[in-house]
């Protein structure tokens, strides 16, 4: 089981603005009680992940009460971001309308380890291909040497 130091809980209104968030989320992403309701959720999601996030939100809206997973990046500062994994669920209520309930946590360490492992595999595969090529070349030279040795030498007059 993964150790989770941060569990984020947020509610997002249909217009995309935060309705509420737990203290852990606000602290991590530098939001306050005063700024949370005036912050659009996309302001805290990496721009390259907006389309994926919108697609999951659309699924949630089409199937209220059903949870959908998503992993995306959240900027911490300029050029620095963290990977987060979420479960989104659209909750509809007659008296309050609807909102998106989001529960998430940081998965940066797992993503970093996975990337490092993939890079190590690539390096190993490249080295293996080089070694096979070197051994193939050595075998060719060895065979040519054997052929050369087995040929009778001609004396020159």
N, C-alpha and C. Protein backbone atom coordinates (compact mmCIF):
# COMPACT_ATOMS: atom_id res chain seq x y z
N UNK A 1 0.84 -1.19 0.00
CA UNK A 1 0.00 0.00 0.00
C UNK A 1 0.89 1.25 0.00
N UNK A 2 0.51 2.22 -0.81
CA UNK A 2 1.27 3.45 -0.89
C UNK A 2 1.06 4.30 0.36
N UNK A 3 2.12 4.98 0.77
CA UNK A 3 1.98 5.95 1.86
C UNK A 3 1.47 7.25 1.26
N UNK A 4 0.40 7.77 1.77
CA UNK A 4 -0.17 9.03 1.27
C UNK A 4 -0.06 10.09 2.36
N UNK A 5 0.72 11.11 2.06
CA UNK A 5 0.85 12.20 3.03
C UNK A 5 -0.23 13.25 2.81
N UNK A 6 -0.74 13.32 1.57
CA UNK A 6 -1.71 14.36 1.25
C UNK A 6 -2.93 13.75 0.57
N UNK A 7 -4.08 13.98 1.13
CA UNK A 7 -5.32 13.60 0.49
C UNK A 7 -6.09 14.89 0.23
N UNK A 8 -6.39 15.13 -1.03
CA UNK A 8 -7.06 16.37 -1.42
C UNK A 8 -8.54 16.10 -1.63
N UNK A 9 -9.35 17.04 -1.18
CA UNK A 9 -10.79 16.94 -1.37
C UNK A 9 -11.28 18.31 -1.82
N UNK A 10 -11.91 18.36 -3.00
CA UNK A 10 -12.43 19.63 -3.51
C UNK A 10 -13.82 19.43 -4.10
N UNK A 11 -14.58 20.50 -4.09
CA UNK A 11 -15.87 20.56 -4.77
C UNK A 11 -15.76 21.65 -5.82
N UNK A 12 -16.21 21.34 -7.03
CA UNK A 12 -16.13 22.29 -8.14
C UNK A 12 -17.53 22.52 -8.68
N UNK A 13 -17.86 23.80 -8.85
CA UNK A 13 -19.17 24.18 -9.39
C UNK A 13 -19.22 23.86 -10.89
N UNK A 14 -20.40 23.80 -11.47
CA UNK A 14 -20.53 23.51 -12.92
C UNK A 14 -19.79 24.52 -13.82
N UNK A 15 -19.57 25.74 -13.31
CA UNK A 15 -18.84 26.73 -14.12
C UNK A 15 -17.32 26.53 -14.05
N UNK A 16 -16.87 25.52 -13.29
CA UNK A 16 -15.44 25.21 -13.22
C UNK A 16 -14.71 25.86 -12.06
N UNK A 17 -15.38 26.73 -11.31
CA UNK A 17 -14.74 27.38 -10.16
C UNK A 17 -14.87 26.50 -8.92
N UNK A 18 -13.88 26.59 -8.06
CA UNK A 18 -13.92 25.83 -6.82
C UNK A 18 -15.04 26.35 -5.92
N UNK A 19 -15.76 25.42 -5.30
CA UNK A 19 -16.78 25.76 -4.31
C UNK A 19 -16.19 25.60 -2.92
N UNK A 20 -15.33 24.60 -2.75
CA UNK A 20 -14.72 24.33 -1.45
C UNK A 20 -13.51 23.42 -1.66
N UNK A 21 -12.62 23.43 -0.69
CA UNK A 21 -11.45 22.54 -0.73
C UNK A 21 -10.95 22.35 0.69
N UNK A 22 -10.36 21.18 0.93
CA UNK A 22 -9.82 20.95 2.27
C UNK A 22 -8.50 21.72 2.46
N UNK A 23 -8.08 21.83 3.71
CA UNK A 23 -6.89 22.60 4.06
C UNK A 23 -5.64 22.07 3.38
N UNK A 24 -5.54 20.76 3.26
CA UNK A 24 -4.38 20.14 2.63
C UNK A 24 -4.23 20.62 1.18
N UNK A 25 -5.33 20.66 0.44
CA UNK A 25 -5.32 21.12 -0.95
C UNK A 25 -4.95 22.60 -1.02
N UNK A 26 -5.59 23.40 -0.19
CA UNK A 26 -5.32 24.84 -0.20
C UNK A 26 -3.87 25.15 0.13
N UNK A 27 -3.35 24.47 1.12
CA UNK A 27 -1.96 24.71 1.51
C UNK A 27 -0.99 24.30 0.39
N UNK A 28 -1.21 23.14 -0.17
CA UNK A 28 -0.30 22.62 -1.20
C UNK A 28 -0.29 23.48 -2.46
N UNK A 29 -1.48 24.01 -2.84
CA UNK A 29 -1.59 24.76 -4.08
C UNK A 29 -1.79 26.26 -3.84
N UNK A 30 -1.43 26.69 -2.65
CA UNK A 30 -1.37 28.11 -2.28
C UNK A 30 -2.69 28.85 -2.54
N UNK A 31 -3.77 28.29 -2.02
CA UNK A 31 -5.07 28.92 -2.10
C UNK A 31 -5.54 29.22 -0.68
N UNK A 32 -6.39 30.21 -0.55
CA UNK A 32 -6.94 30.56 0.77
C UNK A 32 -8.46 30.47 0.71
N UNK A 33 -9.10 30.58 1.85
CA UNK A 33 -10.56 30.58 1.89
C UNK A 33 -11.11 31.74 1.07
N UNK A 34 -10.37 32.84 1.03
CA UNK A 34 -10.81 34.01 0.28
C UNK A 34 -10.64 33.84 -1.23
N UNK A 35 -9.61 33.12 -1.66
CA UNK A 35 -9.34 33.00 -3.10
C UNK A 35 -9.92 31.74 -3.72
N UNK A 36 -10.29 30.77 -2.93
CA UNK A 36 -10.72 29.49 -3.47
C UNK A 36 -11.94 29.64 -4.38
N UNK A 37 -12.93 30.42 -3.98
CA UNK A 37 -14.17 30.53 -4.77
C UNK A 37 -14.00 31.40 -6.02
N UNK A 38 -12.90 32.13 -6.11
CA UNK A 38 -12.65 32.96 -7.30
C UNK A 38 -11.57 32.34 -8.21
N UNK A 39 -11.20 31.11 -7.92
CA UNK A 39 -10.17 30.43 -8.71
C UNK A 39 -10.82 29.37 -9.58
N UNK A 40 -10.58 29.46 -10.87
CA UNK A 40 -11.09 28.44 -11.80
C UNK A 40 -10.18 27.21 -11.67
N UNK A 41 -10.79 26.04 -11.70
CA UNK A 41 -10.02 24.81 -11.50
C UNK A 41 -8.92 24.64 -12.55
N UNK A 42 -9.11 25.13 -13.77
CA UNK A 42 -8.07 25.00 -14.78
C UNK A 42 -6.83 25.84 -14.48
N UNK A 43 -6.97 26.83 -13.61
CA UNK A 43 -5.79 27.61 -13.21
C UNK A 43 -4.81 26.75 -12.43
N UNK A 44 -5.29 25.65 -11.86
CA UNK A 44 -4.43 24.78 -11.05
C UNK A 44 -4.20 23.42 -11.72
N UNK A 45 -4.39 23.39 -13.05
CA UNK A 45 -4.14 22.18 -13.83
C UNK A 45 -3.23 22.56 -14.99
N UNK A 46 -2.23 21.75 -15.25
CA UNK A 46 -1.30 22.02 -16.35
C UNK A 46 -2.10 22.15 -17.65
N UNK A 47 -1.82 23.17 -18.47
CA UNK A 47 -2.59 23.39 -19.71
C UNK A 47 -2.65 22.18 -20.64
N UNK A 48 -1.59 21.38 -20.69
CA UNK A 48 -1.59 20.20 -21.56
C UNK A 48 -2.58 19.13 -21.10
N UNK A 49 -3.06 19.24 -19.87
CA UNK A 49 -3.99 18.24 -19.32
C UNK A 49 -5.45 18.72 -19.33
N UNK A 50 -5.71 19.92 -19.81
CA UNK A 50 -7.07 20.47 -19.80
C UNK A 50 -8.04 19.61 -20.60
N UNK A 51 -7.64 19.15 -21.79
CA UNK A 51 -8.55 18.38 -22.64
C UNK A 51 -8.94 17.06 -21.97
N UNK A 52 -7.96 16.36 -21.40
CA UNK A 52 -8.26 15.10 -20.70
C UNK A 52 -9.20 15.34 -19.53
N UNK A 53 -8.93 16.41 -18.81
CA UNK A 53 -9.77 16.73 -17.65
C UNK A 53 -11.21 17.04 -18.10
N UNK A 54 -11.35 17.81 -19.16
CA UNK A 54 -12.68 18.15 -19.67
C UNK A 54 -13.44 16.90 -20.10
N UNK A 55 -12.74 15.96 -20.71
CA UNK A 55 -13.37 14.71 -21.15
C UNK A 55 -13.91 13.91 -19.96
N UNK A 56 -13.14 13.86 -18.88
CA UNK A 56 -13.58 13.13 -17.69
C UNK A 56 -14.75 13.85 -17.03
N UNK A 57 -14.70 15.17 -16.98
CA UNK A 57 -15.81 15.93 -16.41
C UNK A 57 -17.09 15.68 -17.22
N UNK A 58 -16.97 15.63 -18.54
CA UNK A 58 -18.12 15.35 -19.39
C UNK A 58 -18.71 13.97 -19.08
N UNK A 59 -17.85 12.98 -18.89
CA UNK A 59 -18.33 11.63 -18.52
C UNK A 59 -19.09 11.68 -17.19
N UNK A 60 -18.53 12.42 -16.26
CA UNK A 60 -19.17 12.55 -14.94
C UNK A 60 -20.55 13.19 -15.05
N UNK A 61 -20.66 14.22 -15.88
CA UNK A 61 -21.93 14.92 -16.04
C UNK A 61 -22.97 14.01 -16.69
N UNK A 62 -22.52 13.13 -17.58
CA UNK A 62 -23.44 12.22 -18.25
C UNK A 62 -23.89 11.08 -17.35
N UNK A 63 -23.07 10.77 -16.34
CA UNK A 63 -23.36 9.64 -15.44
C UNK A 63 -23.20 10.08 -13.98
N UNK A 64 -24.12 10.91 -13.47
CA UNK A 64 -24.01 11.36 -12.09
C UNK A 64 -23.90 10.19 -11.11
N UNK A 65 -23.07 10.38 -10.10
CA UNK A 65 -22.90 9.36 -9.07
C UNK A 65 -21.82 8.34 -9.39
N UNK A 66 -21.39 8.27 -10.63
CA UNK A 66 -20.34 7.32 -11.02
C UNK A 66 -18.98 8.03 -10.98
N UNK A 67 -17.97 7.33 -10.44
CA UNK A 67 -16.63 7.92 -10.32
C UNK A 67 -15.77 7.58 -11.53
N UNK A 68 -14.94 8.54 -11.91
CA UNK A 68 -14.01 8.36 -13.02
C UNK A 68 -12.61 8.78 -12.58
N UNK A 69 -11.62 7.95 -12.87
CA UNK A 69 -10.26 8.28 -12.47
C UNK A 69 -9.57 9.16 -13.51
N UNK A 70 -8.63 9.97 -13.05
CA UNK A 70 -7.79 10.76 -13.94
C UNK A 70 -6.50 11.12 -13.20
N UNK A 71 -5.42 11.19 -13.96
CA UNK A 71 -4.14 11.64 -13.42
C UNK A 71 -3.71 12.83 -14.25
N UNK A 72 -3.33 13.92 -13.58
CA UNK A 72 -2.84 15.08 -14.32
C UNK A 72 -1.86 15.87 -13.46
N UNK A 73 -1.24 16.83 -14.11
CA UNK A 73 -0.23 17.66 -13.44
C UNK A 73 -0.86 18.94 -12.91
N UNK A 74 -0.37 19.35 -11.75
CA UNK A 74 -0.81 20.60 -11.16
C UNK A 74 0.43 21.47 -10.91
N UNK A 75 0.44 22.67 -11.46
CA UNK A 75 1.60 23.56 -11.27
C UNK A 75 1.75 23.97 -9.80
N UNK A 76 3.00 23.96 -9.35
CA UNK A 76 3.32 24.45 -8.01
C UNK A 76 3.92 25.85 -8.09
N UNK A 77 4.75 26.05 -9.09
CA UNK A 77 5.33 27.36 -9.39
C UNK A 77 5.74 27.33 -10.85
N UNK A 78 6.34 28.39 -11.34
CA UNK A 78 6.70 28.45 -12.76
C UNK A 78 7.67 27.31 -13.10
N UNK A 79 7.24 26.43 -14.00
CA UNK A 79 8.08 25.33 -14.46
C UNK A 79 8.14 24.14 -13.52
N UNK A 80 7.47 24.21 -12.38
CA UNK A 80 7.49 23.11 -11.41
C UNK A 80 6.05 22.62 -11.24
N UNK A 81 5.87 21.31 -11.35
CA UNK A 81 4.53 20.76 -11.18
C UNK A 81 4.61 19.43 -10.46
N UNK A 82 3.44 19.00 -10.01
CA UNK A 82 3.32 17.72 -9.32
C UNK A 82 2.25 16.89 -10.03
N UNK A 83 2.44 15.60 -10.04
CA UNK A 83 1.43 14.70 -10.61
C UNK A 83 0.43 14.35 -9.52
N UNK A 84 -0.85 14.40 -9.89
CA UNK A 84 -1.91 14.05 -8.94
C UNK A 84 -2.87 13.07 -9.59
N UNK A 85 -3.39 12.17 -8.78
CA UNK A 85 -4.36 11.18 -9.25
C UNK A 85 -5.67 11.47 -8.54
N UNK A 86 -6.78 11.42 -9.30
CA UNK A 86 -8.08 11.84 -8.79
C UNK A 86 -9.17 10.84 -9.12
N UNK A 87 -10.24 10.93 -8.36
CA UNK A 87 -11.52 10.30 -8.66
C UNK A 87 -12.52 11.45 -8.71
N UNK A 88 -13.15 11.63 -9.87
CA UNK A 88 -14.15 12.67 -10.06
C UNK A 88 -15.53 12.02 -10.05
N UNK A 89 -16.47 12.66 -9.36
CA UNK A 89 -17.86 12.19 -9.33
C UNK A 89 -18.77 13.41 -9.38
N UNK A 90 -19.71 13.39 -10.31
CA UNK A 90 -20.69 14.48 -10.37
C UNK A 90 -21.84 14.14 -9.43
N UNK A 91 -22.10 15.07 -8.51
CA UNK A 91 -23.17 14.90 -7.53
C UNK A 91 -24.27 15.92 -7.84
N UNK A 92 -25.47 15.42 -8.05
CA UNK A 92 -26.59 16.32 -8.35
C UNK A 92 -27.56 16.31 -7.18
N UNK A 93 -27.94 17.51 -6.76
CA UNK A 93 -28.97 17.62 -5.73
C UNK A 93 -29.93 18.72 -6.13
N UNK A 94 -31.20 18.49 -5.86
CA UNK A 94 -32.25 19.44 -6.25
C UNK A 94 -32.07 20.80 -5.59
N UNK A 95 -31.72 20.81 -4.30
CA UNK A 95 -31.63 22.09 -3.60
C UNK A 95 -30.34 22.86 -3.90
N UNK A 96 -29.25 22.18 -4.16
CA UNK A 96 -27.98 22.88 -4.39
C UNK A 96 -27.55 22.87 -5.85
N UNK A 97 -28.29 22.20 -6.71
CA UNK A 97 -27.84 22.04 -8.10
C UNK A 97 -26.87 20.90 -8.16
N UNK A 98 -25.79 21.08 -8.85
CA UNK A 98 -24.80 20.02 -8.95
C UNK A 98 -23.40 20.53 -8.71
N UNK A 99 -22.53 19.61 -8.43
CA UNK A 99 -21.11 19.96 -8.28
C UNK A 99 -20.28 18.72 -8.53
N UNK A 100 -19.02 18.95 -8.83
CA UNK A 100 -18.09 17.87 -9.07
C UNK A 100 -17.32 17.62 -7.77
N UNK A 101 -17.41 16.42 -7.27
CA UNK A 101 -16.67 16.03 -6.07
C UNK A 101 -15.37 15.38 -6.53
N UNK A 102 -14.25 15.87 -6.03
CA UNK A 102 -12.94 15.37 -6.46
C UNK A 102 -12.11 14.98 -5.25
N UNK A 103 -11.63 13.75 -5.26
CA UNK A 103 -10.75 13.26 -4.20
C UNK A 103 -9.46 12.83 -4.88
N UNK A 104 -8.33 13.37 -4.40
CA UNK A 104 -7.07 13.06 -5.06
C UNK A 104 -5.90 13.02 -4.12
N UNK A 105 -4.77 12.63 -4.68
CA UNK A 105 -3.53 12.57 -3.90
C UNK A 105 -2.35 12.69 -4.85
N UNK A 106 -1.20 12.99 -4.30
CA UNK A 106 0.03 13.19 -5.06
C UNK A 106 0.61 11.84 -5.47
N UNK A 107 0.94 11.69 -6.75
CA UNK A 107 1.58 10.46 -7.24
C UNK A 107 2.90 10.78 -7.95
N UNK A 108 3.48 11.93 -7.65
CA UNK A 108 4.72 12.35 -8.32
C UNK A 108 5.84 11.35 -8.13
N UNK A 109 5.99 10.84 -6.93
CA UNK A 109 7.07 9.89 -6.67
C UNK A 109 6.91 8.63 -7.52
N UNK A 110 5.70 8.11 -7.61
CA UNK A 110 5.45 6.91 -8.42
C UNK A 110 5.72 7.18 -9.90
N UNK A 111 5.28 8.34 -10.39
CA UNK A 111 5.49 8.70 -11.80
C UNK A 111 6.98 8.86 -12.07
N UNK A 112 7.69 9.52 -11.16
CA UNK A 112 9.14 9.70 -11.33
C UNK A 112 9.85 8.36 -11.35
N UNK A 113 9.49 7.46 -10.44
CA UNK A 113 10.12 6.14 -10.40
C UNK A 113 9.81 5.35 -11.67
N UNK A 114 8.60 5.44 -12.15
CA UNK A 114 8.21 4.74 -13.38
C UNK A 114 9.02 5.27 -14.56
N UNK A 115 9.16 6.59 -14.64
CA UNK A 115 9.93 7.20 -15.73
C UNK A 115 11.39 6.79 -15.66
N UNK A 116 11.95 6.80 -14.46
CA UNK A 116 13.35 6.38 -14.29
C UNK A 116 13.54 4.92 -14.69
N UNK A 117 12.58 4.07 -14.33
CA UNK A 117 12.64 2.66 -14.69
C UNK A 117 12.57 2.48 -16.21
N UNK A 118 11.66 3.20 -16.86
CA UNK A 118 11.55 3.14 -18.32
C UNK A 118 12.84 3.61 -18.98
N UNK A 119 13.44 4.68 -18.46
CA UNK A 119 14.71 5.18 -19.01
C UNK A 119 15.82 4.14 -18.83
N UNK A 120 15.86 3.48 -17.68
CA UNK A 120 16.87 2.44 -17.43
C UNK A 120 16.68 1.28 -18.41
N UNK A 121 15.44 0.90 -18.67
CA UNK A 121 15.15 -0.19 -19.63
C UNK A 121 15.64 0.19 -21.02
N UNK A 122 15.42 1.44 -21.41
CA UNK A 122 15.87 1.92 -22.72
C UNK A 122 17.39 1.86 -22.81
N UNK A 123 18.07 2.29 -21.77
CA UNK A 123 19.54 2.25 -21.76
C UNK A 123 20.03 0.81 -21.85
N UNK A 124 19.44 -0.08 -21.08
CA UNK A 124 19.84 -1.50 -21.09
C UNK A 124 19.60 -2.09 -22.47
N UNK A 125 18.47 -1.82 -23.08
CA UNK A 125 18.17 -2.35 -24.42
C UNK A 125 19.16 -1.82 -25.45
N UNK A 126 19.50 -0.54 -25.37
CA UNK A 126 20.48 0.04 -26.29
C UNK A 126 21.84 -0.62 -26.11
N UNK A 127 22.26 -0.81 -24.87
CA UNK A 127 23.56 -1.46 -24.59
C UNK A 127 23.55 -2.90 -25.09
N UNK A 128 22.43 -3.58 -24.91
CA UNK A 128 22.31 -4.97 -25.36
C UNK A 128 22.45 -5.04 -26.88
N UNK A 129 21.79 -4.13 -27.59
CA UNK A 129 21.90 -4.10 -29.05
C UNK A 129 23.33 -3.84 -29.49
N UNK A 130 24.01 -2.92 -28.82
CA UNK A 130 25.41 -2.63 -29.14
C UNK A 130 26.29 -3.86 -28.90
N UNK A 131 26.06 -4.56 -27.80
CA UNK A 131 26.84 -5.75 -27.47
C UNK A 131 26.62 -6.85 -28.50
N UNK A 132 25.38 -7.06 -28.91
CA UNK A 132 25.08 -8.07 -29.93
C UNK A 132 25.79 -7.72 -31.24
N UNK A 133 25.76 -6.45 -31.59
CA UNK A 133 26.44 -6.00 -32.82
C UNK A 133 27.95 -6.21 -32.71
N UNK A 134 28.53 -5.89 -31.56
CA UNK A 134 29.98 -6.08 -31.36
C UNK A 134 30.34 -7.55 -31.44
N UNK A 135 29.56 -8.41 -30.79
CA UNK A 135 29.83 -9.84 -30.82
C UNK A 135 29.68 -10.39 -32.23
N UNK A 136 28.72 -9.90 -32.97
CA UNK A 136 28.52 -10.32 -34.36
C UNK A 136 29.74 -9.94 -35.20
N UNK A 137 30.24 -8.72 -34.99
CA UNK A 137 31.43 -8.27 -35.71
C UNK A 137 32.65 -9.12 -35.33
N UNK A 138 32.79 -9.42 -34.05
CA UNK A 138 33.91 -10.26 -33.59
C UNK A 138 33.82 -11.65 -34.21
N UNK A 139 32.63 -12.20 -34.28
CA UNK A 139 32.44 -13.53 -34.87
C UNK A 139 32.83 -13.51 -36.34
N UNK A 140 32.45 -12.44 -37.05
CA UNK A 140 32.82 -12.32 -38.47
C UNK A 140 34.33 -12.29 -38.63
N UNK A 141 35.01 -11.53 -37.80
CA UNK A 141 36.47 -11.43 -37.87
C UNK A 141 37.10 -12.78 -37.55
N UNK A 142 36.57 -13.48 -36.56
CA UNK A 142 37.11 -14.78 -36.17
C UNK A 142 36.97 -15.79 -37.32
N UNK A 143 35.79 -15.81 -37.94
CA UNK A 143 35.54 -16.74 -39.05
C UNK A 143 36.47 -16.42 -40.22
N UNK A 144 36.64 -15.14 -40.51
CA UNK A 144 37.56 -14.76 -41.60
C UNK A 144 38.99 -15.17 -41.28
N UNK A 145 39.36 -15.06 -40.02
CA UNK A 145 40.71 -15.47 -39.61
C UNK A 145 40.88 -16.96 -39.80
N UNK A 146 39.89 -17.75 -39.43
CA UNK A 146 39.96 -19.20 -39.62
C UNK A 146 40.07 -19.56 -41.09
N UNK A 147 39.32 -18.87 -41.92
CA UNK A 147 39.38 -19.14 -43.36
C UNK A 147 40.76 -18.81 -43.90
N UNK A 148 41.29 -17.69 -43.48
CA UNK A 148 42.62 -17.25 -43.93
C UNK A 148 43.69 -18.25 -43.49
N UNK A 149 43.59 -18.77 -42.27
CA UNK A 149 44.58 -19.72 -41.76
C UNK A 149 44.49 -21.04 -42.50
N UNK A 150 43.29 -21.45 -42.83
CA UNK A 150 43.12 -22.76 -43.46
C UNK A 150 43.51 -22.76 -44.94
N UNK A 151 43.62 -21.62 -45.58
CA UNK A 151 44.03 -21.58 -46.98
C UNK A 151 45.53 -21.88 -47.09
N UNK A 152 45.94 -22.65 -48.08
CA UNK A 152 47.37 -22.90 -48.23
C UNK A 152 48.07 -21.61 -48.67
N UNK A 153 49.20 -21.41 -48.10
CA UNK A 153 49.97 -20.22 -48.46
C UNK A 153 50.75 -20.52 -49.74
N UNK A 154 50.85 -19.57 -50.60
CA UNK A 154 51.59 -19.73 -51.84
C UNK A 154 52.93 -19.03 -51.70
N UNK A 155 53.90 -19.73 -52.13
CA UNK A 155 55.24 -19.17 -52.10
C UNK A 155 55.42 -18.29 -53.32
N UNK A 156 56.02 -17.20 -53.10
CA UNK A 156 56.26 -16.31 -54.22
C UNK A 156 57.67 -16.58 -54.74
N UNK A 157 57.84 -16.59 -56.01
CA UNK A 157 59.17 -16.81 -56.60
C UNK A 157 59.68 -15.57 -57.19
